[in-house]
Amino acid sequence: MEHTPMPEPMRRAVNQLTSEAVERCQEVMSYAGSDVAMDWKRMTLYRATDAADTMNCVAMLIAAYCEHVGVNPETLQSYLQISQQQSRADGPQADDRAHLAGLLGKEAPVGSDEIGAVRTMYGRGQRQAEQAQQPEDAPEVLFTMACLHGLRAKLCDDLGSLDRFPPEVAMMARKVAEALEVPELAAT
């Protein structure tokens, strides 16, 4: 199989779409962590599904390219991980409900010990609930939040918006925004 770089127009489209998805992810984190967001359920779902749809566009664009260059259909399906696909139209599934039960400290759903994915998601929820009892988020979560919030504040030229976040996130986000200053080029 020949290895060629992604065509430049496609690379730019993928980068643009991914940037849009990251912006939607930042909004999810913002609505989830802000006292300002009175309607967090609606807004986090809107932005999370927007991000998912945008990343689906990225996947389908790349899949169309693979199809165009003759990638075997079975190989393409394995790349797309079809077996992991779940339709939002079907609503929350047993593993989603198990994850929530674990997060909220509720009992494991009936039969969850028989279904691996459900048991796994219940355990993940329990671990995440335990971690939420600790005073600080995991460093990688704080870092992600700071990067996304700092980037958005810089792009919107609104560093004041960082004041509504926890102090450790706001401080790191300001550093991210400062690092994003475009250096002036020396005149030649």
C-alpha atoms as a PDB file:
ATOM      1  CA  MET A   1       0.000   0.000   0.000  1.00  0.00           C
ATOM      2  CA  GLU A   2       1.360   3.392  -1.019  1.00  0.00           C
ATOM      3  CA  HIS A   3       1.823   5.926   1.779  1.00  0.00           C
ATOM      4  CA  THR A   4       1.046   9.451   0.663  1.00  0.00           C
ATOM      5  CA  PRO A   5       0.474  12.556   2.767  1.00  0.00           C
ATOM      6  CA  MET A   6      -3.017  13.935   3.217  1.00  0.00           C
ATOM      7  CA  PRO A   7      -3.829  16.352   0.354  1.00  0.00           C
ATOM      8  CA  GLU A   8      -3.364  19.948   1.523  1.00  0.00           C
ATOM      9  CA  PRO A   9      -6.969  21.143   0.967  1.00  0.00           C
ATOM     10  CA  MET A  10      -8.220  18.126   2.894  1.00  0.00           C
ATOM     11  CA  ARG A  11      -5.680  18.670   5.703  1.00  0.00           C
ATOM     12  CA  ARG A  12      -6.889  22.242   6.077  1.00  0.00           C
ATOM     13  CA  ALA A  13     -10.536  21.138   6.148  1.00  0.00           C
ATOM     14  CA  VAL A  14      -9.769  18.475   8.769  1.00  0.00           C
ATOM     15  CA  ASN A  15      -7.862  21.016  10.881  1.00  0.00           C
ATOM     16  CA  GLN A  16     -10.703  23.559  10.617  1.00  0.00           C
ATOM     17  CA  LEU A  17     -13.382  21.022  11.546  1.00  0.00           C
ATOM     18  CA  THR A  18     -11.298  19.695  14.439  1.00  0.00           C
ATOM     19  CA  SER A  19     -10.791  23.249  15.679  1.00  0.00           C
ATOM     20  CA  GLU A  20     -14.563  23.784  15.600  1.00  0.00           C
ATOM     21  CA  ALA A  21     -15.108  20.564  17.556  1.00  0.00           C
ATOM     22  CA  VAL A  22     -12.551  21.615  20.174  1.00  0.00           C
ATOM     23  CA  GLU A  23     -14.354  24.944  20.542  1.00  0.00           C
ATOM     24  CA  ARG A  24     -17.629  23.080  21.176  1.00  0.00           C
ATOM     25  CA  CYS A  25     -15.819  20.884  23.730  1.00  0.00           C
ATOM     26  CA  GLN A  26     -14.582  24.007  25.483  1.00  0.00           C
ATOM     27  CA  GLU A  27     -18.164  25.237  25.673  1.00  0.00           C
ATOM     28  CA  VAL A  28     -19.250  21.915  27.197  1.00  0.00           C
ATOM     29  CA  MET A  29     -16.611  22.332  29.904  1.00  0.00           C
ATOM     30  CA  SER A  30     -17.562  25.963  30.361  1.00  0.00           C
ATOM     31  CA  TYR A  31     -21.276  25.254  30.837  1.00  0.00           C
ATOM     32  CA  ALA A  32     -20.524  22.267  33.041  1.00  0.00           C
ATOM     33  CA  GLY A  33     -18.326  24.273  35.375  1.00  0.00           C
ATOM     34  CA  SER A  34     -19.954  27.646  35.430  1.00  0.00           C
ATOM     35  CA  ASP A  35     -22.411  29.023  37.944  1.00  0.00           C
ATOM     36  CA  VAL A  36     -23.620  31.286  35.150  1.00  0.00           C
ATOM     37  CA  ALA A  37     -25.088  28.364  33.204  1.00  0.00           C
ATOM     38  CA  MET A  38     -28.588  28.072  34.627  1.00  0.00           C
ATOM     39  CA  ASP A  39     -29.590  25.804  31.759  1.00  0.00           C
ATOM     40  CA  TRP A  40     -26.547  23.504  31.802  1.00  0.00           C
ATOM     41  CA  LYS A  41     -28.473  20.387  30.720  1.00  0.00           C
ATOM     42  CA  ARG A  42     -29.655  21.934  27.469  1.00  0.00           C
ATOM     43  CA  MET A  43     -26.427  23.759  26.647  1.00  0.00           C
ATOM     44  CA  THR A  44     -24.031  20.917  27.464  1.00  0.00           C
ATOM     45  CA  LEU A  45     -26.090  18.535  25.341  1.00  0.00           C
ATOM     46  CA  TYR A  46     -26.253  21.005  22.454  1.00  0.00           C
ATOM     47  CA  ARG A  47     -22.513  21.605  22.476  1.00  0.00           C
ATOM     48  CA  ALA A  48     -21.562  17.950  23.079  1.00  0.00           C
ATOM     49  CA  THR A  49     -23.703  16.813  20.161  1.00  0.00           C
ATOM     50  CA  ASP A  50     -22.356  19.664  18.013  1.00  0.00           C
ATOM     51  CA  ALA A  51     -18.817  18.458  18.774  1.00  0.00           C
ATOM     52  CA  ALA A  52     -19.750  14.849  18.026  1.00  0.00           C
ATOM     53  CA  ASP A  53     -21.407  15.817  14.740  1.00  0.00           C
ATOM     54  CA  THR A  54     -18.395  17.873  13.706  1.00  0.00           C
ATOM     55  CA  MET A  55     -15.988  15.030  14.456  1.00  0.00           C
ATOM     56  CA  ASN A  56     -18.324  12.717  12.534  1.00  0.00           C
ATOM     57  CA  CYS A  57     -17.890  15.091   9.557  1.00  0.00           C
ATOM     58  CA  VAL A  58     -14.119  14.705   9.932  1.00  0.00           C
ATOM     59  CA  ALA A  59     -14.408  10.909  10.012  1.00  0.00           C
ATOM     60  CA  MET A  60     -16.709  10.803   6.984  1.00  0.00           C
ATOM     61  CA  LEU A  61     -14.487  13.177   5.004  1.00  0.00           C
ATOM     62  CA  ILE A  62     -11.494  10.941   5.639  1.00  0.00           C
ATOM     63  CA  ALA A  63     -13.609   7.839   4.906  1.00  0.00           C
ATOM     64  CA  ALA A  64     -14.724   9.370   1.587  1.00  0.00           C
ATOM     65  CA  TYR A  65     -11.073   9.947   0.718  1.00  0.00           C
ATOM     66  CA  CYS A  66     -10.212   6.347   1.632  1.00  0.00           C
ATOM     67  CA  GLU A  67     -13.071   5.162  -0.552  1.00  0.00           C
ATOM     68  CA  HIS A  68     -11.874   7.475  -3.350  1.00  0.00           C
ATOM     69  CA  VAL A  69      -8.339   6.013  -3.289  1.00  0.00           C
ATOM     70  CA  GLY A  70      -9.602   2.438  -3.228  1.00  0.00           C
ATOM     71  CA  VAL A  71      -9.277   1.322   0.389  1.00  0.00           C
ATOM     72  CA  ASN A  72     -10.908  -2.087   0.773  1.00  0.00           C
ATOM     73  CA  PRO A  73     -14.495  -1.639   2.140  1.00  0.00           C
ATOM     74  CA  GLU A  74     -13.918  -4.131   4.983  1.00  0.00           C
ATOM     75  CA  THR A  75     -10.721  -2.328   5.963  1.00  0.00           C
ATOM     76  CA  LEU A  76     -12.544   1.000   5.851  1.00  0.00           C
ATOM     77  CA  GLN A  77     -15.291  -0.367   8.116  1.00  0.00           C
ATOM     78  CA  SER A  78     -12.673  -1.540  10.600  1.00  0.00           C
ATOM     79  CA  TYR A  79     -11.060   1.933  10.535  1.00  0.00           C
ATOM     80  CA  LEU A  80     -14.480   3.479  11.198  1.00  0.00           C
ATOM     81  CA  GLN A  81     -14.962   1.127  14.177  1.00  0.00           C
ATOM     82  CA  ILE A  82     -18.559   0.437  13.145  1.00  0.00           C
ATOM     83  CA  SER A  83     -19.058  -1.962  16.074  1.00  0.00           C
ATOM     84  CA  GLN A  84     -18.632   0.954  18.524  1.00  0.00           C
ATOM     85  CA  GLN A  85     -21.196   3.168  16.825  1.00  0.00           C
ATOM     86  CA  GLN A  86     -24.267   4.213  18.784  1.00  0.00           C
ATOM     87  CA  SER A  87     -27.048   6.403  17.492  1.00  0.00           C
ATOM     88  CA  ARG A  88     -28.126   9.316  19.667  1.00  0.00           C
ATOM     89  CA  ALA A  89     -31.624   8.739  18.318  1.00  0.00           C
ATOM     90  CA  ASP A  90     -31.702   5.507  20.334  1.00  0.00           C
ATOM     91  CA  GLY A  91     -31.178   7.522  23.528  1.00  0.00           C
ATOM     92  CA  PRO A  92     -29.165   6.410  26.534  1.00  0.00           C
ATOM     93  CA  GLN A  93     -28.327   2.702  26.621  1.00  0.00           C
ATOM     94  CA  ALA A  94     -27.742   0.259  29.492  1.00  0.00           C
ATOM     95  CA  ASP A  95     -24.048   1.144  29.719  1.00  0.00           C
ATOM     96  CA  ASP A  96     -24.871   4.878  29.842  1.00  0.00           C
ATOM     97  CA  ARG A  97     -27.351   4.285  32.671  1.00  0.00           C
ATOM     98  CA  ALA A  98     -24.800   2.118  34.482  1.00  0.00           C
ATOM     99  CA  HIS A  99     -22.170   4.860  34.161  1.00  0.00           C
ATOM    100  CA  LEU A 100     -24.626   7.353  35.679  1.00  0.00           C
ATOM    101  CA  ALA A 101     -25.537   4.937  38.500  1.00  0.00           C
ATOM    102  CA  GLY A 102     -21.844   4.559  39.345  1.00  0.00           C
ATOM    103  CA  LEU A 103     -21.333   8.342  39.288  1.00  0.00           C
ATOM    104  CA  LEU A 104     -24.319   8.979  41.556  1.00  0.00           C
ATOM    105  CA  GLY A 105     -23.531   6.178  44.018  1.00  0.00           C
ATOM    106  CA  LYS A 106     -26.608   4.177  43.111  1.00  0.00           C
ATOM    107  CA  GLU A 107     -26.795   0.399  42.979  1.00  0.00           C
ATOM    108  CA  ALA A 108     -25.523  -1.392  39.899  1.00  0.00           C
ATOM    109  CA  PRO A 109     -28.269  -2.029  37.361  1.00  0.00           C
ATOM    110  CA  VAL A 110     -29.811  -5.492  37.437  1.00  0.00           C
ATOM    111  CA  GLY A 111     -27.881  -7.882  35.227  1.00  0.00           C
ATOM    112  CA  SER A 112     -24.842  -5.604  34.978  1.00  0.00           C
ATOM    113  CA  ASP A 113     -22.633  -8.377  36.299  1.00  0.00           C
ATOM    114  CA  GLU A 114     -23.572 -10.392  33.202  1.00  0.00           C
ATOM    115  CA  ILE A 115     -22.806  -7.725  30.601  1.00  0.00           C
ATOM    116  CA  GLY A 116     -19.160  -6.680  30.341  1.00  0.00           C
ATOM    117  CA  ALA A 117     -19.655  -3.175  28.894  1.00  0.00           C
ATOM    118  CA  VAL A 118     -22.312  -2.322  31.470  1.00  0.00           C
ATOM    119  CA  ARG A 119     -20.150  -3.585  34.339  1.00  0.00           C
ATOM    120  CA  THR A 120     -17.163  -1.651  32.972  1.00  0.00           C
ATOM    121  CA  MET A 121     -19.106   1.604  32.704  1.00  0.00           C
ATOM    122  CA  TYR A 122     -20.556   1.201  36.201  1.00  0.00           C
ATOM    123  CA  GLY A 123     -17.035   0.750  37.561  1.00  0.00           C
ATOM    124  CA  ARG A 124     -15.821   3.790  35.609  1.00  0.00           C
ATOM    125  CA  GLY A 125     -18.629   5.838  37.135  1.00  0.00           C
ATOM    126  CA  GLN A 126     -17.694   4.664  40.631  1.00  0.00           C
ATOM    127  CA  ARG A 127     -14.026   5.587  40.101  1.00  0.00           C
ATOM    128  CA  GLN A 128     -14.963   8.995  38.725  1.00  0.00           C
ATOM    129  CA  ALA A 129     -17.268   9.614  41.711  1.00  0.00           C
ATOM    130  CA  GLU A 130     -14.424   8.739  44.091  1.00  0.00           C
ATOM    131  CA  GLN A 131     -12.069  11.071  42.229  1.00  0.00           C
ATOM    132  CA  ALA A 132     -14.651  13.870  42.434  1.00  0.00           C
ATOM    133  CA  GLN A 133     -14.432  13.699  46.244  1.00  0.00           C
ATOM    134  CA  GLN A 134     -10.823  14.815  46.100  1.00  0.00           C
ATOM    135  CA  PRO A 135     -10.261  18.578  46.320  1.00  0.00           C
ATOM    136  CA  GLU A 136      -8.457  18.842  42.971  1.00  0.00           C
ATOM    137  CA  ASP A 137      -9.207  17.438  39.579  1.00  0.00           C
ATOM    138  CA  ALA A 138      -6.630  15.249  37.944  1.00  0.00           C
ATOM    139  CA  PRO A 139      -3.764  17.379  36.574  1.00  0.00           C
ATOM    140  CA  GLU A 140      -4.522  16.341  32.987  1.00  0.00           C
ATOM    141  CA  VAL A 141      -8.140  17.516  33.345  1.00  0.00           C
ATOM    142  CA  LEU A 142      -7.066  20.869  34.792  1.00  0.00           C
ATOM    143  CA  PHE A 143      -4.512  21.214  32.008  1.00  0.00           C
ATOM    144  CA  THR A 144      -7.115  20.441  29.330  1.00  0.00           C
ATOM    145  CA  MET A 145      -9.579  22.917  30.833  1.00  0.00           C
ATOM    146  CA  ALA A 146      -6.896  25.606  31.101  1.00  0.00           C
ATOM    147  CA  CYS A 147      -5.771  25.096  27.494  1.00  0.00           C
ATOM    148  CA  LEU A 148      -9.300  25.190  26.089  1.00  0.00           C
ATOM    149  CA  HIS A 149     -10.459  28.134  28.193  1.00  0.00           C
ATOM    150  CA  GLY A 150      -7.223  30.073  27.578  1.00  0.00           C
ATOM    151  CA  LEU A 151      -7.469  29.489  23.839  1.00  0.00           C
ATOM    152  CA  ARG A 152     -11.086  30.627  23.723  1.00  0.00           C
ATOM    153  CA  ALA A 153     -10.377  33.698  25.856  1.00  0.00           C
ATOM    154  CA  LYS A 154      -7.487  34.620  23.553  1.00  0.00           C
ATOM    155  CA  LEU A 155      -9.493  34.078  20.373  1.00  0.00           C
ATOM    156  CA  CYS A 156     -12.401  36.143  21.733  1.00  0.00           C
ATOM    157  CA  ASP A 157     -10.067  38.738  23.259  1.00  0.00           C
ATOM    158  CA  ASP A 158     -11.918  38.265  26.551  1.00  0.00           C
ATOM    159  CA  LEU A 159      -9.499  37.362  29.319  1.00  0.00           C
ATOM    160  CA  GLY A 160     -12.065  38.634  31.834  1.00  0.00           C
ATOM    161  CA  SER A 161     -14.254  35.625  31.027  1.00  0.00           C
ATOM    162  CA  LEU A 162     -11.699  33.470  32.856  1.00  0.00           C
ATOM    163  CA  ASP A 163     -12.737  34.998  36.184  1.00  0.00           C
ATOM    164  CA  ARG A 164     -15.778  32.733  36.396  1.00  0.00           C
ATOM    165  CA  PHE A 165     -13.643  29.569  36.550  1.00  0.00           C
ATOM    166  CA  PRO A 166     -11.939  28.066  39.595  1.00  0.00           C
ATOM    167  CA  PRO A 167      -8.786  30.055  40.447  1.00  0.00           C
ATOM    168  CA  GLU A 168      -6.304  27.297  39.513  1.00  0.00           C
ATOM    169  CA  VAL A 169      -7.940  26.892  36.083  1.00  0.00           C
ATOM    170  CA  ALA A 170      -8.161  30.650  35.507  1.00  0.00           C
ATOM    171  CA  MET A 171      -4.491  31.141  36.436  1.00  0.00           C
ATOM    172  CA  MET A 172      -3.294  28.407  34.061  1.00  0.00           C
ATOM    173  CA  ALA A 173      -5.677  29.603  31.321  1.00  0.00           C
ATOM    174  CA  ARG A 174      -4.238  33.102  31.543  1.00  0.00           C
ATOM    175  CA  LYS A 175      -0.749  31.642  31.098  1.00  0.00           C
ATOM    176  CA  VAL A 176      -1.981  29.752  28.029  1.00  0.00           C
ATOM    177  CA  ALA A 177      -3.501  32.934  26.595  1.00  0.00           C
ATOM    178  CA  GLU A 178      -0.268  34.844  27.241  1.00  0.00           C
ATOM    179  CA  ALA A 179       1.747  32.143  25.525  1.00  0.00           C
ATOM    180  CA  LEU A 180      -0.464  32.539  22.470  1.00  0.00           C
ATOM    181  CA  GLU A 181       0.674  36.114  21.888  1.00  0.00           C
ATOM    182  CA  VAL A 182       1.826  36.407  18.306  1.00  0.00           C
ATOM    183  CA  PRO A 183       5.410  37.654  18.338  1.00  0.00           C
ATOM    184  CA  GLU A 184       6.103  40.690  16.211  1.00  0.00           C
ATOM    185  CA  LEU A 185       8.327  39.848  13.286  1.00  0.00           C
ATOM    186  CA  ALA A 186      11.449  41.918  12.833  1.00  0.00           C
ATOM    187  CA  ALA A 187      11.339  44.145   9.783  1.00  0.00           C
ATOM    188  CA  THR A 188      13.818  43.052   7.166  1.00  0.00           C
END
